PDB file of all heavy atoms in Angstrom:
ATOM      1  N   SER A   1      16.167  22.506   4.709  1.00  0.00           N
ATOM      2  CA  SER A   1      17.388  22.300   5.468  1.00  0.00           C
ATOM      3  C   SER A   1      17.935  23.553   6.132  1.00  0.00           C
ATOM      4  O   SER A   1      18.386  23.508   7.200  1.00  0.00           O
ATOM      5  CB  SER A   1      18.413  21.507   4.727  1.00  0.00           C
ATOM      6  OG  SER A   1      18.918  22.453   3.619  1.00  0.00           O
ATOM      7  N   THR A   2      17.808  24.646   5.437  1.00  0.00           N
ATOM      8  CA  THR A   2      18.308  25.924   5.851  1.00  0.00           C
ATOM      9  C   THR A   2      17.380  26.421   7.123  1.00  0.00           C
ATOM     10  O   THR A   2      17.885  26.855   8.048  1.00  0.00           O
ATOM     11  CB  THR A   2      18.198  26.971   4.828  1.00  0.00           C
ATOM     12  OG1 THR A   2      19.062  26.705   3.757  1.00  0.00           O
ATOM     13  CG2 THR A   2      18.791  28.376   5.418  1.00  0.00           C
ATOM     14  N   LEU A   3      16.080  26.229   6.906  1.00  0.00           N
ATOM     15  CA  LEU A   3      15.191  26.540   7.951  1.00  0.00           C
ATOM     16  C   LEU A   3      15.377  25.624   9.303  1.00  0.00           C
ATOM     17  O   LEU A   3      15.274  26.121  10.330  1.00  0.00           O
ATOM     18  CB  LEU A   3      13.698  26.379   7.498  1.00  0.00           C
ATOM     19  CG  LEU A   3      13.223  27.409   6.427  1.00  0.00           C
ATOM     20  CD1 LEU A   3      11.902  27.074   5.944  1.00  0.00           C
ATOM     21  CD2 LEU A   3      13.191  28.773   7.029  1.00  0.00           C
ATOM     22  N   THR A   4      15.766  24.465   9.029  1.00  0.00           N
ATOM     23  CA  THR A   4      15.998  23.458  10.178  1.00  0.00           C
ATOM     24  C   THR A   4      17.195  24.060  10.905  1.00  0.00           C
ATOM     25  O   THR A   4      17.232  24.110  12.151  1.00  0.00           O
ATOM     26  CB  THR A   4      16.228  22.128   9.727  1.00  0.00           C
ATOM     27  OG1 THR A   4      15.046  21.661   9.076  1.00  0.00           O
ATOM     28  CG2 THR A   4      16.544  21.178  10.768  1.00  0.00           C
ATOM     29  N   LYS A   5      18.289  24.439  10.284  1.00  0.00           N
ATOM     30  CA  LYS A   5      19.510  24.969  10.827  1.00  0.00           C
ATOM     31  C   LYS A   5      19.173  26.266  11.556  1.00  0.00           C
ATOM     32  O   LYS A   5      19.706  26.475  12.709  1.00  0.00           O
ATOM     33  CB  LYS A   5      20.587  25.085   9.913  1.00  0.00           C
ATOM     34  CG  LYS A   5      21.114  23.862   9.222  1.00  0.00           C
ATOM     35  CD  LYS A   5      22.081  24.226   8.138  1.00  0.00           C
ATOM     36  CE  LYS A   5      22.534  22.983   7.388  1.00  0.00           C
ATOM     37  NZ  LYS A   5      23.402  23.321   6.151  1.00  0.00           N
ATOM     38  N   LEU A   6      18.432  27.189  10.963  1.00  0.00           N
ATOM     39  CA  LEU A   6      18.157  28.418  11.474  1.00  0.00           C
ATOM     40  C   LEU A   6      17.304  28.463  12.660  1.00  0.00           C
ATOM     41  O   LEU A   6      17.401  29.176  13.695  1.00  0.00           O
ATOM     42  CB  LEU A   6      17.607  29.382  10.395  1.00  0.00           C
ATOM     43  CG  LEU A   6      18.600  30.082   9.504  1.00  0.00           C
ATOM     44  CD1 LEU A   6      17.837  30.690   8.374  1.00  0.00           C
ATOM     45  CD2 LEU A   6      19.419  31.131  10.244  1.00  0.00           C
ATOM     46  N   LEU A   7      16.141  27.641  12.610  1.00  0.00           N
ATOM     47  CA  LEU A   7      15.043  27.790  13.556  1.00  0.00           C
ATOM     48  C   LEU A   7      14.752  26.611  14.372  1.00  0.00           C
ATOM     49  O   LEU A   7      14.078  26.580  15.324  1.00  0.00           O
ATOM     50  CB  LEU A   7      13.665  27.993  12.762  1.00  0.00           C
ATOM     51  CG  LEU A   7      13.689  29.077  11.671  1.00  0.00           C
ATOM     52  CD1 LEU A   7      12.424  29.194  11.027  1.00  0.00           C
ATOM     53  CD2 LEU A   7      14.115  30.365  12.195  1.00  0.00           C
ATOM     54  N   SER A   8      15.547  25.449  14.137  1.00  0.00           N
ATOM     55  CA  SER A   8      15.371  24.223  14.939  1.00  0.00           C
ATOM     56  C   SER A   8      13.922  23.786  14.892  1.00  0.00           C
ATOM     57  O   SER A   8      13.282  23.434  15.890  1.00  0.00           O
ATOM     58  CB  SER A   8      15.843  24.381  16.400  1.00  0.00           C
ATOM     59  OG  SER A   8      17.147  24.841  16.503  1.00  0.00           O
ATOM     60  N   VAL A   9      13.378  23.646  13.633  1.00  0.00           N
ATOM     61  CA  VAL A   9      12.052  23.306  13.448  1.00  0.00           C
ATOM     62  C   VAL A   9      11.948  21.925  12.826  1.00  0.00           C
ATOM     63  O   VAL A   9      12.890  21.409  12.276  1.00  0.00           O
ATOM     64  CB  VAL A   9      11.285  24.318  12.570  1.00  0.00           C
ATOM     65  CG1 VAL A   9      11.138  25.585  13.273  1.00  0.00           C
ATOM     66  CG2 VAL A   9      12.124  24.609  11.227  1.00  0.00           C
ATOM     67  N   PRO A  10      10.638  21.307  12.889  1.00  0.00           N
ATOM     68  CA  PRO A  10      10.528  19.944  12.273  1.00  0.00           C
ATOM     69  C   PRO A  10      10.731  19.917  10.781  1.00  0.00           C
ATOM     70  O   PRO A  10      10.734  21.004  10.119  1.00  0.00           O
ATOM     71  CB  PRO A  10       9.070  19.631  12.639  1.00  0.00           C
ATOM     72  CG  PRO A  10       8.676  20.530  13.772  1.00  0.00           C
ATOM     73  CD  PRO A  10       9.541  21.725  13.572  1.00  0.00           C
ATOM     74  N   SER A  11      10.925  18.704  10.211  1.00  0.00           N
ATOM     75  CA  SER A  11      11.169  18.588   8.769  1.00  0.00           C
ATOM     76  C   SER A  11      10.033  18.927   7.885  1.00  0.00           C
ATOM     77  O   SER A  11      10.340  19.069   6.690  1.00  0.00           O
ATOM     78  CB  SER A  11      11.633  17.063   8.598  1.00  0.00           C
ATOM     79  OG  SER A  11      10.597  16.186   8.936  1.00  0.00           O
ATOM     80  N   ASP A  12       8.874  19.058   8.470  1.00  0.00           N
ATOM     81  CA  ASP A  12       7.745  19.455   7.609  1.00  0.00           C
ATOM     82  C   ASP A  12       7.413  20.938   7.721  1.00  0.00           C
ATOM     83  O   ASP A  12       6.278  21.434   7.318  1.00  0.00           O
ATOM     84  CB  ASP A  12       6.545  18.644   7.858  1.00  0.00           C
ATOM     85  CG  ASP A  12       6.088  18.820   9.314  1.00  0.00           C
ATOM     86  OD1 ASP A  12       6.713  19.446  10.189  1.00  0.00           O
ATOM     87  OD2 ASP A  12       4.922  18.323   9.682  1.00  0.00           O
ATOM     88  N   TYR A  13       8.345  21.745   8.381  1.00  0.00           N
ATOM     89  CA  TYR A  13       7.915  23.096   8.719  1.00  0.00           C
ATOM     90  C   TYR A  13       7.692  23.932   7.348  1.00  0.00           C
ATOM     91  O   TYR A  13       6.746  24.615   7.274  1.00  0.00           O
ATOM     92  CB  TYR A  13       9.224  23.747   9.345  1.00  0.00           C
ATOM     93  CG  TYR A  13       8.892  25.228   9.750  1.00  0.00           C
ATOM     94  CD1 TYR A  13       8.136  25.561  10.757  1.00  0.00           C
ATOM     95  CD2 TYR A  13       9.640  26.276   9.042  1.00  0.00           C
ATOM     96  CE1 TYR A  13       7.946  27.014  11.036  1.00  0.00           C
ATOM     97  CE2 TYR A  13       9.400  27.610   9.238  1.00  0.00           C
ATOM     98  CZ  TYR A  13       8.590  27.937  10.358  1.00  0.00           C
ATOM     99  OH  TYR A  13       8.369  29.290  10.621  1.00  0.00           O
ATOM    100  N   TRP A  14       8.615  23.898   6.394  1.00  0.00           N
ATOM    101  CA  TRP A  14       8.343  24.626   5.091  1.00  0.00           C
ATOM    102  C   TRP A  14       7.059  24.304   4.479  1.00  0.00           C
ATOM    103  O   TRP A  14       6.352  25.051   4.041  1.00  0.00           O
ATOM    104  CB  TRP A  14       9.437  24.462   4.192  1.00  0.00           C
ATOM    105  CG  TRP A  14       9.181  24.986   2.837  1.00  0.00           C
ATOM    106  CD1 TRP A  14       9.097  24.312   1.613  1.00  0.00           C
ATOM    107  CD2 TRP A  14       8.709  26.355   2.439  1.00  0.00           C
ATOM    108  NE1 TRP A  14       8.647  25.051   0.693  1.00  0.00           N
ATOM    109  CE2 TRP A  14       8.497  26.359   1.126  1.00  0.00           C
ATOM    110  CE3 TRP A  14       8.623  27.507   3.226  1.00  0.00           C
ATOM    111  CZ2 TRP A  14       7.981  27.468   0.471  1.00  0.00           C
ATOM    112  CZ3 TRP A  14       8.152  28.638   2.566  1.00  0.00           C
ATOM    113  CH2 TRP A  14       7.847  28.661   1.209  1.00  0.00           C
ATOM    114  N   LYS A  15       6.747  22.978   4.452  1.00  0.00           N
ATOM    115  CA  LYS A  15       5.439  22.555   3.785  1.00  0.00           C
ATOM    116  C   LYS A  15       4.305  23.225   4.588  1.00  0.00           C
ATOM    117  O   LYS A  15       3.337  23.791   3.909  1.00  0.00           O
ATOM    118  CB  LYS A  15       5.374  21.047   3.948  1.00  0.00           C
ATOM    119  CG  LYS A  15       4.092  20.494   3.360  1.00  0.00           C
ATOM    120  CD  LYS A  15       4.060  18.971   3.376  1.00  0.00           C
ATOM    121  CE  LYS A  15       2.780  18.442   2.795  1.00  0.00           C
ATOM    122  NZ  LYS A  15       2.729  16.900   2.926  1.00  0.00           N
ATOM    123  N   LYS A  16       4.348  23.372   5.851  1.00  0.00           N
ATOM    124  CA  LYS A  16       3.241  23.911   6.627  1.00  0.00           C
ATOM    125  C   LYS A  16       3.210  25.606   6.422  1.00  0.00           C
ATOM    126  O   LYS A  16       2.103  26.064   6.352  1.00  0.00           O
ATOM    127  CB  LYS A  16       3.441  23.660   8.110  1.00  0.00           C
ATOM    128  CG  LYS A  16       3.156  22.233   8.453  1.00  0.00           C
ATOM    129  CD  LYS A  16       3.251  21.861   9.979  1.00  0.00           C
ATOM    130  CE  LYS A  16       2.858  20.463  10.324  1.00  0.00           C
ATOM    131  NZ  LYS A  16       2.937  20.180  11.657  1.00  0.00           N
ATOM    132  N   ILE A  17       4.393  26.092   6.414  1.00  0.00           N
ATOM    133  CA  ILE A  17       4.433  27.586   6.223  1.00  0.00           C
ATOM    134  C   ILE A  17       3.949  27.958   4.737  1.00  0.00           C
ATOM    135  O   ILE A  17       3.184  28.893   4.521  1.00  0.00           O
ATOM    136  CB  ILE A  17       5.848  28.144   6.433  1.00  0.00           C
ATOM    137  CG1 ILE A  17       6.131  28.228   7.903  1.00  0.00           C
ATOM    138  CG2 ILE A  17       5.994  29.559   5.790  1.00  0.00           C
ATOM    139  CD1 ILE A  17       5.340  29.133   8.789  1.00  0.00           C
ATOM    140  N   ASP A  18       4.298  27.154   3.765  1.00  0.00           N
ATOM    141  CA  ASP A  18       3.844  27.219   2.359  1.00  0.00           C
ATOM    142  C   ASP A  18       2.320  27.258   2.366  1.00  0.00           C
ATOM    143  O   ASP A  18       1.646  28.150   1.779  1.00  0.00           O
ATOM    144  CB  ASP A  18       4.487  26.322   1.557  1.00  0.00           C
ATOM    145  CG  ASP A  18       3.971  26.273   0.099  1.00  0.00           C
ATOM    146  OD1 ASP A  18       3.880  27.427  -0.412  1.00  0.00           O
ATOM    147  OD2 ASP A  18       3.594  25.283  -0.394  1.00  0.00           O
ATOM    148  N   HIS A  19       1.749  26.368   3.019  1.00  0.00           N
ATOM    149  CA  HIS A  19       0.274  26.136   3.158  1.00  0.00           C
ATOM    150  C   HIS A  19      -0.349  27.333   3.768  1.00  0.00           C
ATOM    151  O   HIS A  19      -1.302  27.901   3.298  1.00  0.00           O
ATOM    152  CB  HIS A  19      -0.022  24.928   3.957  1.00  0.00           C
ATOM    153  CG  HIS A  19      -1.555  24.672   4.059  1.00  0.00           C
ATOM    154  ND1 HIS A  19      -2.298  24.064   3.161  1.00  0.00           N
ATOM    155  CD2 HIS A  19      -2.274  25.053   5.195  1.00  0.00           C
ATOM    156  CE1 HIS A  19      -3.592  24.086   3.608  1.00  0.00           C
ATOM    157  NE2 HIS A  19      -3.630  24.542   4.811  1.00  0.00           N
ATOM    158  N   SER A  20       0.291  27.900   4.836  1.00  0.00           N
ATOM    159  CA  SER A  20      -0.208  29.041   5.645  1.00  0.00           C
ATOM    160  C   SER A  20      -0.239  30.233   4.737  1.00  0.00           C
ATOM    161  O   SER A  20      -1.157  31.043   4.706  1.00  0.00           O
ATOM    162  CB  SER A  20       0.612  29.318   6.825  1.00  0.00           C
ATOM    163  OG  SER A  20       0.739  28.197   7.767  1.00  0.00           O
ATOM    164  N   ILE A  21       0.785  30.458   3.925  1.00  0.00           N
ATOM    165  CA  ILE A  21       0.953  31.593   3.074  1.00  0.00           C
ATOM    166  C   ILE A  21      -0.115  31.450   1.940  1.00  0.00           C
ATOM    167  O   ILE A  21      -0.795  32.498   1.607  1.00  0.00           O
ATOM    168  CB  ILE A  21       2.347  31.705   2.469  1.00  0.00           C
ATOM    169  CG1 ILE A  21       3.309  32.169   3.683  1.00  0.00           C
ATOM    170  CG2 ILE A  21       2.374  32.833   1.354  1.00  0.00           C
ATOM    171  CD1 ILE A  21       4.710  32.268   3.214  1.00  0.00           C
ATOM    172  N   ARG A  22      -0.295  30.292   1.277  1.00  0.00           N
ATOM    173  CA  ARG A  22      -1.175  30.156   0.243  1.00  0.00           C
ATOM    174  C   ARG A  22      -2.598  30.418   0.684  1.00  0.00           C
ATOM    175  O   ARG A  22      -3.386  31.005   0.028  1.00  0.00           O
ATOM    176  CB  ARG A  22      -0.966  28.774  -0.363  1.00  0.00           C
ATOM    177  CG  ARG A  22       0.199  28.548  -1.088  1.00  0.00           C
ATOM    178  CD  ARG A  22       0.446  27.141  -1.665  1.00  0.00           C
ATOM    179  NE  ARG A  22       1.669  26.959  -2.217  1.00  0.00           N
ATOM    180  CZ  ARG A  22       2.177  27.371  -3.393  1.00  0.00           C
ATOM    181  NH1 ARG A  22       1.169  27.884  -4.255  1.00  0.00           N
ATOM    182  NH2 ARG A  22       3.314  27.164  -3.849  1.00  0.00           N
ATOM    183  N   LYS A  23      -3.005  29.836   1.870  1.00  0.00           N
ATOM    184  CA  LYS A  23      -4.322  30.027   2.387  1.00  0.00           C
ATOM    185  C   LYS A  23      -4.583  31.390   2.856  1.00  0.00           C
ATOM    186  O   LYS A  23      -5.712  31.990   2.723  1.00  0.00           O
ATOM    187  CB  LYS A  23      -4.525  29.091   3.519  1.00  0.00           C
ATOM    188  CG  LYS A  23      -4.612  27.583   3.137  1.00  0.00           C
ATOM    189  CD  LYS A  23      -5.738  27.349   2.112  1.00  0.00           C
ATOM    190  CE  LYS A  23      -5.805  25.923   1.694  1.00  0.00           C
ATOM    191  NZ  LYS A  23      -6.906  25.675   0.593  1.00  0.00           N
ATOM    192  N   THR A  24      -3.652  32.147   3.456  1.00  0.00           N
ATOM    193  CA  THR A  24      -3.686  33.554   3.792  1.00  0.00           C
ATOM    194  C   THR A  24      -4.048  34.301   2.566  1.00  0.00           C
ATOM    195  O   THR A  24      -4.937  35.260   2.525  1.00  0.00           O
ATOM    196  CB  THR A  24      -2.527  34.043   4.453  1.00  0.00           C
ATOM    197  OG1 THR A  24      -2.267  33.330   5.734  1.00  0.00           O
ATOM    198  CG2 THR A  24      -2.596  35.562   4.763  1.00  0.00           C
ATOM    199  N   ASN A  25      -3.361  34.073   1.484  1.00  0.00           N
ATOM    200  CA  ASN A  25      -3.512  34.755   0.184  1.00  0.00           C
ATOM    201  C   ASN A  25      -4.918  34.476  -0.348  1.00  0.00           C
ATOM    202  O   ASN A  25      -5.530  35.388  -0.830  1.00  0.00           O
ATOM    203  CB  ASN A  25      -2.419  34.360  -0.831  1.00  0.00           C
ATOM    204  CG  ASN A  25      -2.467  35.195  -2.107  1.00  0.00           C
ATOM    205  OD1 ASN A  25      -2.153  36.354  -2.101  1.00  0.00           O
ATOM    206  ND2 ASN A  25      -2.932  34.482  -3.207  1.00  0.00           N
ATOM    207  N   GLU A  26      -5.325  33.278  -0.395  1.00  0.00           N
ATOM    208  CA  GLU A  26      -6.566  32.879  -0.784  1.00  0.00           C
ATOM    209  C   GLU A  26      -7.790  33.589  -0.082  1.00  0.00           C
ATOM    210  O   GLU A  26      -8.828  33.896  -0.645  1.00  0.00           O
ATOM    211  CB  GLU A  26      -6.867  31.403  -0.866  1.00  0.00           C
ATOM    212  CG  GLU A  26      -6.004  30.568  -1.781  1.00  0.00           C
ATOM    213  CD  GLU A  26      -6.112  29.052  -1.625  1.00  0.00           C
ATOM    214  OE1 GLU A  26      -7.079  28.644  -0.889  1.00  0.00           O
ATOM    215  OE2 GLU A  26      -5.367  28.367  -2.232  1.00  0.00           O
ATOM    216  N   ALA A  27      -7.545  33.812   1.149  1.00  0.00           N
ATOM    217  CA  ALA A  27      -8.530  34.490   2.134  1.00  0.00           C
ATOM    218  C   ALA A  27      -8.617  35.932   1.747  1.00  0.00           C
ATOM    219  O   ALA A  27      -9.454  36.670   2.334  1.00  0.00           O
ATOM    220  CB  ALA A  27      -8.176  34.241   3.482  1.00  0.00           C
ATOM    221  N   GLY A  28      -7.657  36.468   0.957  1.00  0.00           N
ATOM    222  CA  GLY A  28      -7.603  37.966   0.738  1.00  0.00           C
ATOM    223  C   GLY A  28      -7.089  38.780   1.832  1.00  0.00           C
ATOM    224  O   GLY A  28      -7.228  39.997   1.927  1.00  0.00           O
ATOM    225  N   ILE A  29      -6.251  38.110   2.724  1.00  0.00           N
ATOM    226  CA  ILE A  29      -5.638  38.741   3.808  1.00  0.00           C
ATOM    227  C   ILE A  29      -4.219  39.150   3.342  1.00  0.00           C
ATOM    228  O   ILE A  29      -3.446  38.267   2.951  1.00  0.00           O
ATOM    229  CB  ILE A  29      -5.466  37.868   5.064  1.00  0.00           C
ATOM    230  CG1 ILE A  29      -6.866  37.518   5.538  1.00  0.00           C
ATOM    231  CG2 ILE A  29      -4.712  38.685   6.269  1.00  0.00           C
ATOM    232  CD1 ILE A  29      -6.884  36.498   6.747  1.00  0.00           C
ATOM    233  N   HIS A  30      -3.880  40.439   3.393  1.00  0.00           N
ATOM    234  CA  HIS A  30      -2.510  40.864   2.948  1.00  0.00           C
ATOM    235  C   HIS A  30      -1.421  40.497   3.969  1.00  0.00           C
ATOM    236  O   HIS A  30      -1.612  40.304   5.187  1.00  0.00           O
ATOM    237  CB  HIS A  30      -2.531  42.433   2.767  1.00  0.00           C
ATOM    238  CG  HIS A  30      -3.268  42.871   1.494  1.00  0.00           C
ATOM    239  ND1 HIS A  30      -2.714  43.326   0.404  1.00  0.00           N
ATOM    240  CD2 HIS A  30      -4.464  42.799   1.154  1.00  0.00           C
ATOM    241  CE1 HIS A  30      -3.463  43.643  -0.497  1.00  0.00           C
ATOM    242  NE2 HIS A  30      -4.712  43.229  -0.106  1.00  0.00           N
ATOM    243  N   PHE A  31      -0.252  40.321   3.394  1.00  0.00           N
ATOM    244  CA  PHE A  31       0.844  39.888   4.379  1.00  0.00           C
ATOM    245  C   PHE A  31       2.129  40.554   3.764  1.00  0.00           C
ATOM    246  O   PHE A  31       2.397  40.752   2.709  1.00  0.00           O
ATOM    247  CB  PHE A  31       0.888  38.275   4.421  1.00  0.00           C
ATOM    248  CG  PHE A  31       1.326  37.672   3.185  1.00  0.00           C
ATOM    249  CD1 PHE A  31       2.660  37.253   2.910  1.00  0.00           C
ATOM    250  CD2 PHE A  31       0.326  37.337   2.201  1.00  0.00           C
ATOM    251  CE1 PHE A  31       3.000  36.663   1.692  1.00  0.00           C
ATOM    252  CE2 PHE A  31       0.665  36.742   0.977  1.00  0.00           C
ATOM    253  CZ  PHE A  31       1.998  36.338   0.757  1.00  0.00           C
ATOM    254  N   ARG A  32       3.003  40.733   4.738  1.00  0.00           N
ATOM    255  CA  ARG A  32       4.435  41.221   4.441  1.00  0.00           C
ATOM    256  C   ARG A  32       5.316  40.183   4.994  1.00  0.00           C
ATOM    257  O   ARG A  32       4.951  39.362   5.868  1.00  0.00           O
ATOM    258  CB  ARG A  32       4.726  42.619   4.970  1.00  0.00           C
ATOM    259  CG  ARG A  32       4.794  42.717   6.406  1.00  0.00           C
ATOM    260  CD  ARG A  32       5.193  44.162   6.919  1.00  0.00           C
ATOM    261  NE  ARG A  32       6.341  44.559   6.212  1.00  0.00           N
ATOM    262  CZ  ARG A  32       7.605  44.285   6.669  1.00  0.00           C
ATOM    263  NH1 ARG A  32       7.840  43.599   7.716  1.00  0.00           N
ATOM    264  NH2 ARG A  32       8.645  44.906   6.026  1.00  0.00           N
ATOM    265  N   VAL A  33       6.638  40.194   4.667  1.00  0.00           N
ATOM    266  CA  VAL A  33       7.573  39.180   5.164  1.00  0.00           C
ATOM    267  C   VAL A  33       8.802  39.966   5.678  1.00  0.00           C
ATOM    268  O   VAL A  33       9.295  40.979   5.029  1.00  0.00           O
ATOM    269  CB  VAL A  33       7.971  38.149   4.027  1.00  0.00           C
ATOM    270  CG1 VAL A  33       9.134  37.323   4.475  1.00  0.00           C
ATOM    271  CG2 VAL A  33       6.814  37.321   3.731  1.00  0.00           C
ATOM    272  N   ASN A  34       9.327  39.519   6.753  1.00  0.00           N
ATOM    273  CA  ASN A  34      10.642  40.110   7.279  1.00  0.00           C
ATOM    274  C   ASN A  34      11.621  38.990   7.215  1.00  0.00           C
ATOM    275  O   ASN A  34      11.306  37.790   7.620  1.00  0.00           O
ATOM    276  CB  ASN A  34      10.441  40.557   8.713  1.00  0.00           C
ATOM    277  CG  ASN A  34      11.646  41.258   9.323  1.00  0.00           C
ATOM    278  OD1 ASN A  34      12.102  42.229   8.604  1.00  0.00           O
ATOM    279  ND2 ASN A  34      12.183  40.808  10.347  1.00  0.00           N
ATOM    280  N   SER A  35      12.712  39.257   6.671  1.00  0.00           N
ATOM    281  CA  SER A  35      13.865  38.199   6.469  1.00  0.00           C
ATOM    282  C   SER A  35      15.149  38.676   6.818  1.00  0.00           C
ATOM    283  O   SER A  35      15.497  39.776   6.537  1.00  0.00           O
ATOM    284  CB  SER A  35      13.810  37.850   4.935  1.00  0.00           C
ATOM    285  OG  SER A  35      14.635  36.741   4.740  1.00  0.00           O
ATOM    286  N   LEU A  36      15.937  37.856   7.493  1.00  0.00           N
ATOM    287  CA  LEU A  36      17.142  38.208   8.023  1.00  0.00           C
ATOM    288  C   LEU A  36      18.253  37.350   7.329  1.00  0.00           C
ATOM    289  O   LEU A  36      18.130  36.189   7.198  1.00  0.00           O
ATOM    290  CB  LEU A  36      17.255  37.980   9.574  1.00  0.00           C
ATOM    291  CG  LEU A  36      16.396  39.013  10.388  1.00  0.00           C
ATOM    292  CD1 LEU A  36      16.553  38.649  11.873  1.00  0.00           C
ATOM    293  CD2 LEU A  36      16.909  40.416  10.230  1.00  0.00           C
ATOM    294  N   ILE A  37      19.389  38.107   6.980  1.00  0.00           N
ATOM    295  CA  ILE A  37      20.422  37.325   6.385  1.00  0.00           C
ATOM    296  C   ILE A  37      21.503  37.039   7.470  1.00  0.00           C
ATOM    297  O   ILE A  37      21.949  37.821   8.269  1.00  0.00           O
ATOM    298  CB  ILE A  37      21.291  38.285   5.378  1.00  0.00           C
ATOM    299  CG1 ILE A  37      20.303  38.659   4.291  1.00  0.00           C
ATOM    300  CG2 ILE A  37      22.398  37.434   4.751  1.00  0.00           C
ATOM    301  CD1 ILE A  37      19.740  37.535   3.438  1.00  0.00           C
ATOM    302  N   THR A  38      21.768  35.714   7.618  1.00  0.00           N
ATOM    303  CA  THR A  38      22.650  35.149   8.662  1.00  0.00           C
ATOM    304  C   THR A  38      23.815  34.400   7.894  1.00  0.00           C
ATOM    305  O   THR A  38      23.735  34.317   6.685  1.00  0.00           O
ATOM    306  CB  THR A  38      21.874  34.136   9.577  1.00  0.00           C
ATOM    307  OG1 THR A  38      21.616  33.020   8.934  1.00  0.00           O
ATOM    308  CG2 THR A  38      20.696  34.836  10.038  1.00  0.00           C
ATOM    309  N   ASN A  39      24.707  33.901   8.629  1.00  0.00           N
ATOM    310  CA  ASN A  39      25.766  33.030   8.192  1.00  0.00           C
ATOM    311  C   ASN A  39      25.210  31.837   7.460  1.00  0.00           C
ATOM    312  O   ASN A  39      25.793  31.165   6.662  1.00  0.00           O
ATOM    313  CB  ASN A  39      26.684  32.605   9.312  1.00  0.00           C
ATOM    314  CG  ASN A  39      27.989  32.032   8.766  1.00  0.00           C
ATOM    315  OD1 ASN A  39      28.558  32.477   7.717  1.00  0.00           O
ATOM    316  ND2 ASN A  39      28.560  30.974   9.477  1.00  0.00           N
ATOM    317  N   TYR A  40      24.039  31.407   7.818  1.00  0.00           N
ATOM    318  CA  TYR A  40      23.380  30.176   7.325  1.00  0.00           C
ATOM    319  C   TYR A  40      22.567  30.383   6.039  1.00  0.00           C
ATOM    320  O   TYR A  40      22.381  29.362   5.261  1.00  0.00           O
ATOM    321  CB  TYR A  40      22.381  29.548   8.288  1.00  0.00           C
ATOM    322  CG  TYR A  40      23.110  29.117   9.616  1.00  0.00           C
ATOM    323  CD1 TYR A  40      23.109  29.969  10.709  1.00  0.00           C
ATOM    324  CD2 TYR A  40      23.796  27.982   9.691  1.00  0.00           C
ATOM    325  CE1 TYR A  40      23.759  29.605  11.952  1.00  0.00           C
ATOM    326  CE2 TYR A  40      24.361  27.523  10.876  1.00  0.00           C
ATOM    327  CZ  TYR A  40      24.312  28.446  12.015  1.00  0.00           C
ATOM    328  OH  TYR A  40      25.028  28.003  13.113  1.00  0.00           O
TER     329      TYR A  40
END
């Protein structure tokens, strides 16, 4: 719900991003995350 307010994305967005992160990790590809604090 927070992501929907922040990004105007579909209701399955978090499920897809979670899948992306898990599969990236399984592939052995390193990743970093950038996160911004907003009013939301």
